[in-house]
């Protein structure tokens, strides 16, 4: 009896652990935590009754739903420290949403294995960012933020790729801002806000496009598993401020290398699965 209870609780304990990792990584690096949540969900969702054909769609949709809350929690903590560029977020928001909608529509039209392949390749690209020996604040190429067509293109691409990968787009946002002269802590704080702007319309899109699909786990809203999302959010919102505190007090160089190495393993694993 106890053994059966432990086995039935195992997926939810794993989800709580994934939430801790996602929340801490989100606060530390200004990312939404999707790079932690999506791989974890691909392993856990089959135990919750998700069909193989729907695993990646549900993993990405659920990840985006959790990012809404983890990003809001992170940006709140960063805002208390004066590390959020609100005009940047306002200027980018409309084009982020447009890109996100396009990404959601594309994701609905590709198979789970194709999404896994896209995710694996995307993760490897982002791993290079975290493993670069040059500190991002030293890669400055401009003194001003992009405007006009450049901003529209970057923001649209950021929204599209984030919707396809189930992430908050924090890495690209941080890289863009530091390349244009923003302090690293302000870039990380602002990236947390961008994550919420991306995740909200993307999660709504995955809920709508997945409505009525077969092979979804119980208590799902479209491609969003509500039990999984709630379990992850419960611990992620607790861990996010801890990551924020670490970002402001500690040099993240070692953690960047560890996280980058983790992304390499995840990327290769997802490509192999695909």
C-alpha atoms as a PDB file:
ATOM      1  CA  UNK A   1       0.000   0.000   0.000  1.00  0.00           C
ATOM      2  CA  UNK A   2       2.728   2.450   0.984  1.00  0.00           C
ATOM      3  CA  UNK A   3       4.783   1.446  -2.039  1.00  0.00           C
ATOM      4  CA  UNK A   4       1.852   2.150  -4.357  1.00  0.00           C
ATOM      5  CA  UNK A   5       1.271   5.511  -2.688  1.00  0.00           C
ATOM      6  CA  UNK A   6       4.937   6.441  -3.109  1.00  0.00           C
ATOM      7  CA  UNK A   7       4.837   5.495  -6.789  1.00  0.00           C
ATOM      8  CA  UNK A   8       1.670   7.539  -7.363  1.00  0.00           C
ATOM      9  CA  UNK A   9       3.225  10.567  -5.654  1.00  0.00           C
ATOM     10  CA  UNK A  10       6.556  10.296  -7.485  1.00  0.00           C
ATOM     11  CA  UNK A  11       5.525  12.374 -10.551  1.00  0.00           C
ATOM     12  CA  UNK A  12       4.290  15.204  -8.353  1.00  0.00           C
ATOM     13  CA  UNK A  13       7.414  15.171  -6.187  1.00  0.00           C
ATOM     14  CA  UNK A  14       9.449  15.405  -9.391  1.00  0.00           C
ATOM     15  CA  UNK A  15       7.298  18.353 -10.518  1.00  0.00           C
ATOM     16  CA  UNK A  16       7.906  20.137  -7.208  1.00  0.00           C
ATOM     17  CA  UNK A  17      11.649  19.622  -7.655  1.00  0.00           C
ATOM     18  CA  UNK A  18      11.476  20.924 -11.222  1.00  0.00           C
ATOM     19  CA  UNK A  19       9.685  23.999  -9.917  1.00  0.00           C
ATOM     20  CA  UNK A  20      12.485  24.690  -7.457  1.00  0.00           C
ATOM     21  CA  UNK A  21      15.092  24.460 -10.205  1.00  0.00           C
ATOM     22  CA  UNK A  22      13.062  26.572 -12.617  1.00  0.00           C
ATOM     23  CA  UNK A  23      12.348  29.274 -10.060  1.00  0.00           C
ATOM     24  CA  UNK A  24      15.950  29.569  -8.937  1.00  0.00           C
ATOM     25  CA  UNK A  25      17.284  29.608 -12.508  1.00  0.00           C
ATOM     26  CA  UNK A  26      14.655  32.175 -13.456  1.00  0.00           C
ATOM     27  CA  UNK A  27      15.660  34.539 -10.693  1.00  0.00           C
ATOM     28  CA  UNK A  28      19.370  34.024 -11.202  1.00  0.00           C
ATOM     29  CA  UNK A  29      19.574  34.383 -14.978  1.00  0.00           C
ATOM     30  CA  UNK A  30      16.380  36.308 -15.805  1.00  0.00           C
ATOM     31  CA  UNK A  31      14.928  33.346 -17.706  1.00  0.00           C
ATOM     32  CA  UNK A  32      11.471  31.870 -17.344  1.00  0.00           C
ATOM     33  CA  UNK A  33      12.711  28.426 -16.347  1.00  0.00           C
ATOM     34  CA  UNK A  34      11.488  26.623 -19.448  1.00  0.00           C
ATOM     35  CA  UNK A  35      14.888  25.029 -20.022  1.00  0.00           C
ATOM     36  CA  UNK A  36      14.347  23.198 -16.727  1.00  0.00           C
ATOM     37  CA  UNK A  37      10.597  22.620 -16.904  1.00  0.00           C
ATOM     38  CA  UNK A  38      10.220  21.303 -20.473  1.00  0.00           C
ATOM     39  CA  UNK A  39      12.805  18.474 -20.184  1.00  0.00           C
ATOM     40  CA  UNK A  40      11.376  17.490 -16.797  1.00  0.00           C
ATOM     41  CA  UNK A  41       7.846  17.411 -18.186  1.00  0.00           C
ATOM     42  CA  UNK A  42       8.826  15.210 -21.126  1.00  0.00           C
ATOM     43  CA  UNK A  43       9.798  12.580 -18.551  1.00  0.00           C
ATOM     44  CA  UNK A  44       6.899  13.110 -16.140  1.00  0.00           C
ATOM     45  CA  UNK A  45       3.902  13.688 -18.433  1.00  0.00           C
ATOM     46  CA  UNK A  46       3.760  10.082 -19.744  1.00  0.00           C
ATOM     47  CA  UNK A  47       3.294   8.999 -16.098  1.00  0.00           C
ATOM     48  CA  UNK A  48       0.265  11.310 -15.950  1.00  0.00           C
ATOM     49  CA  UNK A  49      -1.368   9.704 -18.966  1.00  0.00           C
ATOM     50  CA  UNK A  50      -0.123  11.895 -21.808  1.00  0.00           C
ATOM     51  CA  UNK A  51       0.219  10.174 -25.177  1.00  0.00           C
ATOM     52  CA  UNK A  52       3.641  10.247 -26.905  1.00  0.00           C
ATOM     53  CA  UNK A  53       2.130  12.295 -29.749  1.00  0.00           C
ATOM     54  CA  UNK A  54       1.185  15.082 -27.352  1.00  0.00           C
ATOM     55  CA  UNK A  55       4.054  15.079 -24.847  1.00  0.00           C
ATOM     56  CA  UNK A  56       6.028  17.980 -26.329  1.00  0.00           C
ATOM     57  CA  UNK A  57       2.978  20.125 -26.951  1.00  0.00           C
ATOM     58  CA  UNK A  58       1.769  19.667 -23.370  1.00  0.00           C
ATOM     59  CA  UNK A  59       5.284  20.151 -21.992  1.00  0.00           C
ATOM     60  CA  UNK A  60       5.703  23.459 -23.835  1.00  0.00           C
ATOM     61  CA  UNK A  61       2.184  24.700 -23.091  1.00  0.00           C
ATOM     62  CA  UNK A  62       2.476  23.835 -19.402  1.00  0.00           C
ATOM     63  CA  UNK A  63       5.929  25.392 -19.205  1.00  0.00           C
ATOM     64  CA  UNK A  64       4.619  28.655 -20.628  1.00  0.00           C
ATOM     65  CA  UNK A  65       1.780  28.672 -18.076  1.00  0.00           C
ATOM     66  CA  UNK A  66       4.284  28.343 -15.223  1.00  0.00           C
ATOM     67  CA  UNK A  67       6.498  31.077 -16.670  1.00  0.00           C
ATOM     68  CA  UNK A  68       3.699  33.622 -16.230  1.00  0.00           C
ATOM     69  CA  UNK A  69       3.960  33.243 -12.471  1.00  0.00           C
ATOM     70  CA  UNK A  70       7.695  32.669 -12.103  1.00  0.00           C
ATOM     71  CA  UNK A  71       8.475  35.692 -14.279  1.00  0.00           C
ATOM     72  CA  UNK A  72       6.067  37.927 -12.369  1.00  0.00           C
ATOM     73  CA  UNK A  73       7.602  36.758  -9.104  1.00  0.00           C
ATOM     74  CA  UNK A  74      11.122  37.395 -10.395  1.00  0.00           C
ATOM     75  CA  UNK A  75      10.380  40.802 -11.895  1.00  0.00           C
ATOM     76  CA  UNK A  76       8.719  41.856  -8.645  1.00  0.00           C
ATOM     77  CA  UNK A  77      11.868  41.000  -6.715  1.00  0.00           C
ATOM     78  CA  UNK A  78      14.109  42.746  -9.269  1.00  0.00           C
ATOM     79  CA  UNK A  79      11.845  45.834  -9.304  1.00  0.00           C
ATOM     80  CA  UNK A  80      12.356  46.280  -5.566  1.00  0.00           C
ATOM     81  CA  UNK A  81      16.049  46.643  -6.349  1.00  0.00           C
ATOM     82  CA  UNK A  82      15.398  49.146  -9.165  1.00  0.00           C
ATOM     83  CA  UNK A  83      16.617  46.694 -11.798  1.00  0.00           C
ATOM     84  CA  UNK A  84      13.722  46.743 -14.316  1.00  0.00           C
ATOM     85  CA  UNK A  85      13.674  48.892 -17.473  1.00  0.00           C
ATOM     86  CA  UNK A  86       9.926  49.520 -17.829  1.00  0.00           C
ATOM     87  CA  UNK A  87      10.173  51.656 -21.039  1.00  0.00           C
ATOM     88  CA  UNK A  88      12.078  48.799 -22.699  1.00  0.00           C
ATOM     89  CA  UNK A  89       9.294  46.355 -21.852  1.00  0.00           C
ATOM     90  CA  UNK A  90       6.574  48.730 -23.067  1.00  0.00           C
ATOM     91  CA  UNK A  91       8.326  49.366 -26.375  1.00  0.00           C
ATOM     92  CA  UNK A  92       8.918  45.685 -27.090  1.00  0.00           C
ATOM     93  CA  UNK A  93       5.630  44.249 -25.793  1.00  0.00           C
ATOM     94  CA  UNK A  94       3.441  44.622 -28.941  1.00  0.00           C
ATOM     95  CA  UNK A  95       5.982  42.926 -31.216  1.00  0.00           C
ATOM     96  CA  UNK A  96       6.709  40.222 -28.640  1.00  0.00           C
ATOM     97  CA  UNK A  97       3.021  39.347 -28.636  1.00  0.00           C
ATOM     98  CA  UNK A  98       2.851  39.236 -32.455  1.00  0.00           C
ATOM     99  CA  UNK A  99       5.833  36.874 -32.600  1.00  0.00           C
ATOM    100  CA  UNK A 100       4.394  34.751 -29.820  1.00  0.00           C
ATOM    101  CA  UNK A 101       1.107  34.282 -31.679  1.00  0.00           C
ATOM    102  CA  UNK A 102       2.975  33.184 -34.821  1.00  0.00           C
ATOM    103  CA  UNK A 103       5.080  30.750 -32.807  1.00  0.00           C
ATOM    104  CA  UNK A 104       1.992  29.247 -31.190  1.00  0.00           C
ATOM    105  CA  UNK A 105       0.317  28.710 -34.574  1.00  0.00           C
ATOM    106  CA  UNK A 106       3.457  27.053 -35.955  1.00  0.00           C
ATOM    107  CA  UNK A 107       3.763  24.767 -32.911  1.00  0.00           C
ATOM    108  CA  UNK A 108       0.189  23.576 -33.391  1.00  0.00           C
ATOM    109  CA  UNK A 109       0.994  22.426 -36.917  1.00  0.00           C
ATOM    110  CA  UNK A 110       4.115  20.357 -36.262  1.00  0.00           C
ATOM    111  CA  UNK A 111       4.524  16.938 -34.649  1.00  0.00           C
ATOM    112  CA  UNK A 112       5.786  16.255 -31.142  1.00  0.00           C
ATOM    113  CA  UNK A 113       9.049  14.823 -32.508  1.00  0.00           C
ATOM    114  CA  UNK A 114       9.614  17.940 -34.615  1.00  0.00           C
ATOM    115  CA  UNK A 115       9.065  20.129 -31.568  1.00  0.00           C
ATOM    116  CA  UNK A 116      11.554  17.992 -29.645  1.00  0.00           C
ATOM    117  CA  UNK A 117      14.100  18.491 -32.423  1.00  0.00           C
ATOM    118  CA  UNK A 118      13.503  22.251 -32.483  1.00  0.00           C
ATOM    119  CA  UNK A 119      13.832  22.365 -28.705  1.00  0.00           C
ATOM    120  CA  UNK A 120      17.060  20.354 -28.722  1.00  0.00           C
ATOM    121  CA  UNK A 121      18.701  22.554 -31.358  1.00  0.00           C
ATOM    122  CA  UNK A 122      17.522  25.703 -29.625  1.00  0.00           C
ATOM    123  CA  UNK A 123      18.876  24.531 -26.283  1.00  0.00           C
ATOM    124  CA  UNK A 124      22.305  23.854 -27.780  1.00  0.00           C
ATOM    125  CA  UNK A 125      22.380  27.376 -29.235  1.00  0.00           C
ATOM    126  CA  UNK A 126      21.536  28.871 -25.853  1.00  0.00           C
ATOM    127  CA  UNK A 127      24.082  26.610 -24.157  1.00  0.00           C
ATOM    128  CA  UNK A 128      26.801  28.387 -26.137  1.00  0.00           C
ATOM    129  CA  UNK A 129      25.666  31.676 -24.598  1.00  0.00           C
ATOM    130  CA  UNK A 130      26.044  30.365 -21.060  1.00  0.00           C
ATOM    131  CA  UNK A 131      29.379  28.683 -21.806  1.00  0.00           C
ATOM    132  CA  UNK A 132      31.007  31.676 -23.537  1.00  0.00           C
ATOM    133  CA  UNK A 133      34.200  32.645 -21.701  1.00  0.00           C
ATOM    134  CA  UNK A 134      33.511  36.345 -22.341  1.00  0.00           C
ATOM    135  CA  UNK A 135      31.268  38.063 -19.840  1.00  0.00           C
ATOM    136  CA  UNK A 136      28.087  39.340 -21.564  1.00  0.00           C
ATOM    137  CA  UNK A 137      28.519  42.877 -20.197  1.00  0.00           C
ATOM    138  CA  UNK A 138      31.802  43.095 -22.141  1.00  0.00           C
ATOM    139  CA  UNK A 139      30.173  42.275 -25.481  1.00  0.00           C
ATOM    140  CA  UNK A 140      28.802  45.787 -25.979  1.00  0.00           C
ATOM    141  CA  UNK A 141      28.234  46.734 -29.611  1.00  0.00           C
ATOM    142  CA  UNK A 142      26.034  49.829 -29.161  1.00  0.00           C
ATOM    143  CA  UNK A 143      25.223  52.576 -26.682  1.00  0.00           C
ATOM    144  CA  UNK A 144      21.478  52.601 -27.424  1.00  0.00           C
ATOM    145  CA  UNK A 145      18.696  50.041 -27.572  1.00  0.00           C
ATOM    146  CA  UNK A 146      17.364  48.887 -30.974  1.00  0.00           C
ATOM    147  CA  UNK A 147      14.488  50.885 -32.444  1.00  0.00           C
ATOM    148  CA  UNK A 148      12.329  50.802 -35.569  1.00  0.00           C
ATOM    149  CA  UNK A 149      12.560  47.784 -37.833  1.00  0.00           C
ATOM    150  CA  UNK A 150      15.440  46.288 -35.835  1.00  0.00           C
ATOM    151  CA  UNK A 151      13.369  46.266 -32.652  1.00  0.00           C
ATOM    152  CA  UNK A 152      10.340  44.841 -34.478  1.00  0.00           C
ATOM    153  CA  UNK A 153      12.424  42.055 -35.991  1.00  0.00           C
ATOM    154  CA  UNK A 154      14.236  41.145 -32.775  1.00  0.00           C
ATOM    155  CA  UNK A 155      11.103  41.264 -30.631  1.00  0.00           C
ATOM    156  CA  UNK A 156       9.065  39.272 -33.152  1.00  0.00           C
ATOM    157  CA  UNK A 157      11.773  36.615 -33.423  1.00  0.00           C
ATOM    158  CA  UNK A 158      12.102  36.473 -29.649  1.00  0.00           C
ATOM    159  CA  UNK A 159       8.372  35.896 -29.205  1.00  0.00           C
ATOM    160  CA  UNK A 160       8.256  33.271 -31.965  1.00  0.00           C
ATOM    161  CA  UNK A 161      11.225  31.191 -30.781  1.00  0.00           C
ATOM    162  CA  UNK A 162      10.099  31.419 -27.147  1.00  0.00           C
ATOM    163  CA  UNK A 163       6.651  30.047 -28.009  1.00  0.00           C
ATOM    164  CA  UNK A 164       8.221  27.169 -29.932  1.00  0.00           C
ATOM    165  CA  UNK A 165      10.622  26.279 -27.102  1.00  0.00           C
ATOM    166  CA  UNK A 166       8.351  26.955 -24.137  1.00  0.00           C
ATOM    167  CA  UNK A 167      10.735  29.515 -22.629  1.00  0.00           C
ATOM    168  CA  UNK A 168      10.503  33.116 -21.462  1.00  0.00           C
ATOM    169  CA  UNK A 169      13.097  34.585 -23.807  1.00  0.00           C
ATOM    170  CA  UNK A 170      15.278  35.853 -20.980  1.00  0.00           C
ATOM    171  CA  UNK A 171      18.568  34.804 -22.549  1.00  0.00           C
ATOM    172  CA  UNK A 172      18.028  36.750 -25.771  1.00  0.00           C
ATOM    173  CA  UNK A 173      16.699  39.760 -23.864  1.00  0.00           C
ATOM    174  CA  UNK A 174      19.695  39.810 -21.523  1.00  0.00           C
ATOM    175  CA  UNK A 175      22.137  39.442 -24.412  1.00  0.00           C
ATOM    176  CA  UNK A 176      20.427  42.239 -26.379  1.00  0.00           C
ATOM    177  CA  UNK A 177      20.421  44.659 -23.462  1.00  0.00           C
ATOM    178  CA  UNK A 178      23.996  44.018 -22.350  1.00  0.00           C
ATOM    179  CA  UNK A 179      25.165  44.323 -25.950  1.00  0.00           C
ATOM    180  CA  UNK A 180      23.596  47.786 -25.966  1.00  0.00           C
ATOM    181  CA  UNK A 181      25.260  48.950 -22.770  1.00  0.00           C
ATOM    182  CA  UNK A 182      22.749  47.989 -20.074  1.00  0.00           C
ATOM    183  CA  UNK A 183      24.176  46.761 -16.743  1.00  0.00           C
ATOM    184  CA  UNK A 184      23.889  42.993 -16.372  1.00  0.00           C
ATOM    185  CA  UNK A 185      21.640  43.159 -13.290  1.00  0.00           C
ATOM    186  CA  UNK A 186      19.226  45.556 -15.018  1.00  0.00           C
ATOM    187  CA  UNK A 187      19.187  43.330 -18.096  1.00  0.00           C
ATOM    188  CA  UNK A 188      18.371  40.253 -16.003  1.00  0.00           C
ATOM    189  CA  UNK A 189      15.606  42.077 -14.123  1.00  0.00           C
ATOM    190  CA  UNK A 190      14.042  43.386 -17.333  1.00  0.00           C
ATOM    191  CA  UNK A 191      14.255  39.944 -18.935  1.00  0.00           C
ATOM    192  CA  UNK A 192      12.033  38.616 -16.164  1.00  0.00           C
ATOM    193  CA  UNK A 193       9.313  41.060 -17.207  1.00  0.00           C
ATOM    194  CA  UNK A 194       9.694  40.114 -20.863  1.00  0.00           C
ATOM    195  CA  UNK A 195       9.091  36.489 -19.868  1.00  0.00           C
ATOM    196  CA  UNK A 196       5.639  37.334 -18.534  1.00  0.00           C
ATOM    197  CA  UNK A 197       4.762  39.334 -21.674  1.00  0.00           C
ATOM    198  CA  UNK A 198       5.650  36.319 -23.827  1.00  0.00           C
ATOM    199  CA  UNK A 199       4.220  33.563 -21.634  1.00  0.00           C
ATOM    200  CA  UNK A 200       0.706  34.942 -21.148  1.00  0.00           C
ATOM    201  CA  UNK A 201      -0.440  35.055 -24.811  1.00  0.00           C
ATOM    202  CA  UNK A 202       1.544  31.902 -25.606  1.00  0.00           C
ATOM    203  CA  UNK A 203      -0.121  29.936 -22.803  1.00  0.00           C
ATOM    204  CA  UNK A 204      -3.542  31.138 -23.916  1.00  0.00           C
ATOM    205  CA  UNK A 205      -2.689  30.083 -27.466  1.00  0.00           C
ATOM    206  CA  UNK A 206      -1.629  26.577 -26.399  1.00  0.00           C
ATOM    207  CA  UNK A 207      -4.791  26.240 -24.298  1.00  0.00           C
ATOM    208  CA  UNK A 208      -6.949  27.153 -27.305  1.00  0.00           C
ATOM    209  CA  UNK A 209      -5.134  25.131 -29.974  1.00  0.00           C
ATOM    210  CA  UNK A 210      -5.049  22.038 -27.767  1.00  0.00           C
ATOM    211  CA  UNK A 211      -8.728  22.162 -26.835  1.00  0.00           C
ATOM    212  CA  UNK A 212     -10.445  18.855 -27.609  1.00  0.00           C
ATOM    213  CA  UNK A 213      -7.254  17.044 -28.670  1.00  0.00           C
ATOM    214  CA  UNK A 214      -6.937  13.346 -27.830  1.00  0.00           C
ATOM    215  CA  UNK A 215      -4.208  11.892 -25.631  1.00  0.00           C
ATOM    216  CA  UNK A 216      -3.995  14.763 -23.138  1.00  0.00           C
ATOM    217  CA  UNK A 217      -3.491  14.202 -19.397  1.00  0.00           C
ATOM    218  CA  UNK A 218      -6.416  14.534 -17.000  1.00  0.00           C
ATOM    219  CA  UNK A 219      -7.512  17.988 -15.849  1.00  0.00           C
ATOM    220  CA  UNK A 220      -5.872  19.707 -18.803  1.00  0.00           C
ATOM    221  CA  UNK A 221      -6.953  22.938 -20.445  1.00  0.00           C
ATOM    222  CA  UNK A 222      -5.866  22.360 -24.022  1.00  0.00           C
ATOM    223  CA  UNK A 223      -2.149  21.700 -24.020  1.00  0.00           C
ATOM    224  CA  UNK A 224      -1.761  22.879 -20.413  1.00  0.00           C
ATOM    225  CA  UNK A 225      -1.725  20.256 -17.647  1.00  0.00           C
ATOM    226  CA  UNK A 226      -3.193  22.104 -14.685  1.00  0.00           C
ATOM    227  CA  UNK A 227      -1.960  19.665 -11.973  1.00  0.00           C
ATOM    228  CA  UNK A 228       1.572  19.835 -13.377  1.00  0.00           C
ATOM    229  CA  UNK A 229       1.475  23.615 -13.708  1.00  0.00           C
ATOM    230  CA  UNK A 230       0.189  24.096 -10.151  1.00  0.00           C
ATOM    231  CA  UNK A 231       2.836  21.779  -8.678  1.00  0.00           C
ATOM    232  CA  UNK A 232       5.664  23.560 -10.502  1.00  0.00           C
ATOM    233  CA  UNK A 233       4.385  27.055  -9.708  1.00  0.00           C
ATOM    234  CA  UNK A 234       4.010  26.203  -6.004  1.00  0.00           C
ATOM    235  CA  UNK A 235       7.768  25.750  -5.551  1.00  0.00           C
ATOM    236  CA  UNK A 236       9.006  28.008  -8.354  1.00  0.00           C
ATOM    237  CA  UNK A 237       7.567  31.157  -6.781  1.00  0.00           C
ATOM    238  CA  UNK A 238       9.383  30.265  -3.565  1.00  0.00           C
ATOM    239  CA  UNK A 239      12.724  29.655  -5.268  1.00  0.00           C
ATOM    240  CA  UNK A 240      12.638  32.657  -7.646  1.00  0.00           C
ATOM    241  CA  UNK A 241      13.537  35.289  -4.984  1.00  0.00           C
ATOM    242  CA  UNK A 242      16.431  33.095  -3.883  1.00  0.00           C
ATOM    243  CA  UNK A 243      17.765  33.175  -7.427  1.00  0.00           C
ATOM    244  CA  UNK A 244      17.313  36.939  -7.550  1.00  0.00           C
ATOM    245  CA  UNK A 245      19.267  37.331  -4.321  1.00  0.00           C
ATOM    246  CA  UNK A 246      22.046  35.154  -5.702  1.00  0.00           C
ATOM    247  CA  UNK A 247      22.150  37.196  -8.927  1.00  0.00           C
ATOM    248  CA  UNK A 248      22.697  40.416  -6.974  1.00  0.00           C
ATOM    249  CA  UNK A 249      25.129  39.069  -4.373  1.00  0.00           C
ATOM    250  CA  UNK A 250      27.207  36.413  -6.100  1.00  0.00           C
ATOM    251  CA  UNK A 251      29.299  36.141  -9.223  1.00  0.00           C
ATOM    252  CA  UNK A 252      27.311  33.709 -11.399  1.00  0.00           C
ATOM    253  CA  UNK A 253      30.310  32.607 -13.501  1.00  0.00           C
ATOM    254  CA  UNK A 254      30.481  29.072 -12.102  1.00  0.00           C
ATOM    255  CA  UNK A 255      26.722  28.661 -12.144  1.00  0.00           C
ATOM    256  CA  UNK A 256      26.644  29.823 -15.765  1.00  0.00           C
ATOM    257  CA  UNK A 257      29.106  27.091 -16.724  1.00  0.00           C
ATOM    258  CA  UNK A 258      27.166  24.451 -14.800  1.00  0.00           C
ATOM    259  CA  UNK A 259      23.868  25.555 -16.352  1.00  0.00           C
ATOM    260  CA  UNK A 260      25.445  25.703 -19.811  1.00  0.00           C
ATOM    261  CA  UNK A 261      26.733  22.155 -19.416  1.00  0.00           C
ATOM    262  CA  UNK A 262      23.286  21.056 -18.308  1.00  0.00           C
ATOM    263  CA  UNK A 263      21.814  22.608 -21.457  1.00  0.00           C
ATOM    264  CA  UNK A 264      24.267  20.688 -23.643  1.00  0.00           C
ATOM    265  CA  UNK A 265      23.134  17.411 -22.095  1.00  0.00           C
ATOM    266  CA  UNK A 266      19.464  18.376 -22.448  1.00  0.00           C
ATOM    267  CA  UNK A 267      19.906  19.491 -26.059  1.00  0.00           C
ATOM    268  CA  UNK A 268      21.641  16.291 -27.114  1.00  0.00           C
ATOM    269  CA  UNK A 269      19.073  14.165 -25.257  1.00  0.00           C
ATOM    270  CA  UNK A 270      16.112  15.910 -26.883  1.00  0.00           C
ATOM    271  CA  UNK A 271      17.632  15.628 -30.360  1.00  0.00           C
ATOM    272  CA  UNK A 272      18.250  11.915 -29.751  1.00  0.00           C
ATOM    273  CA  UNK A 273      14.619  11.478 -28.673  1.00  0.00           C
ATOM    274  CA  UNK A 274      13.394  13.271 -31.770  1.00  0.00           C
END
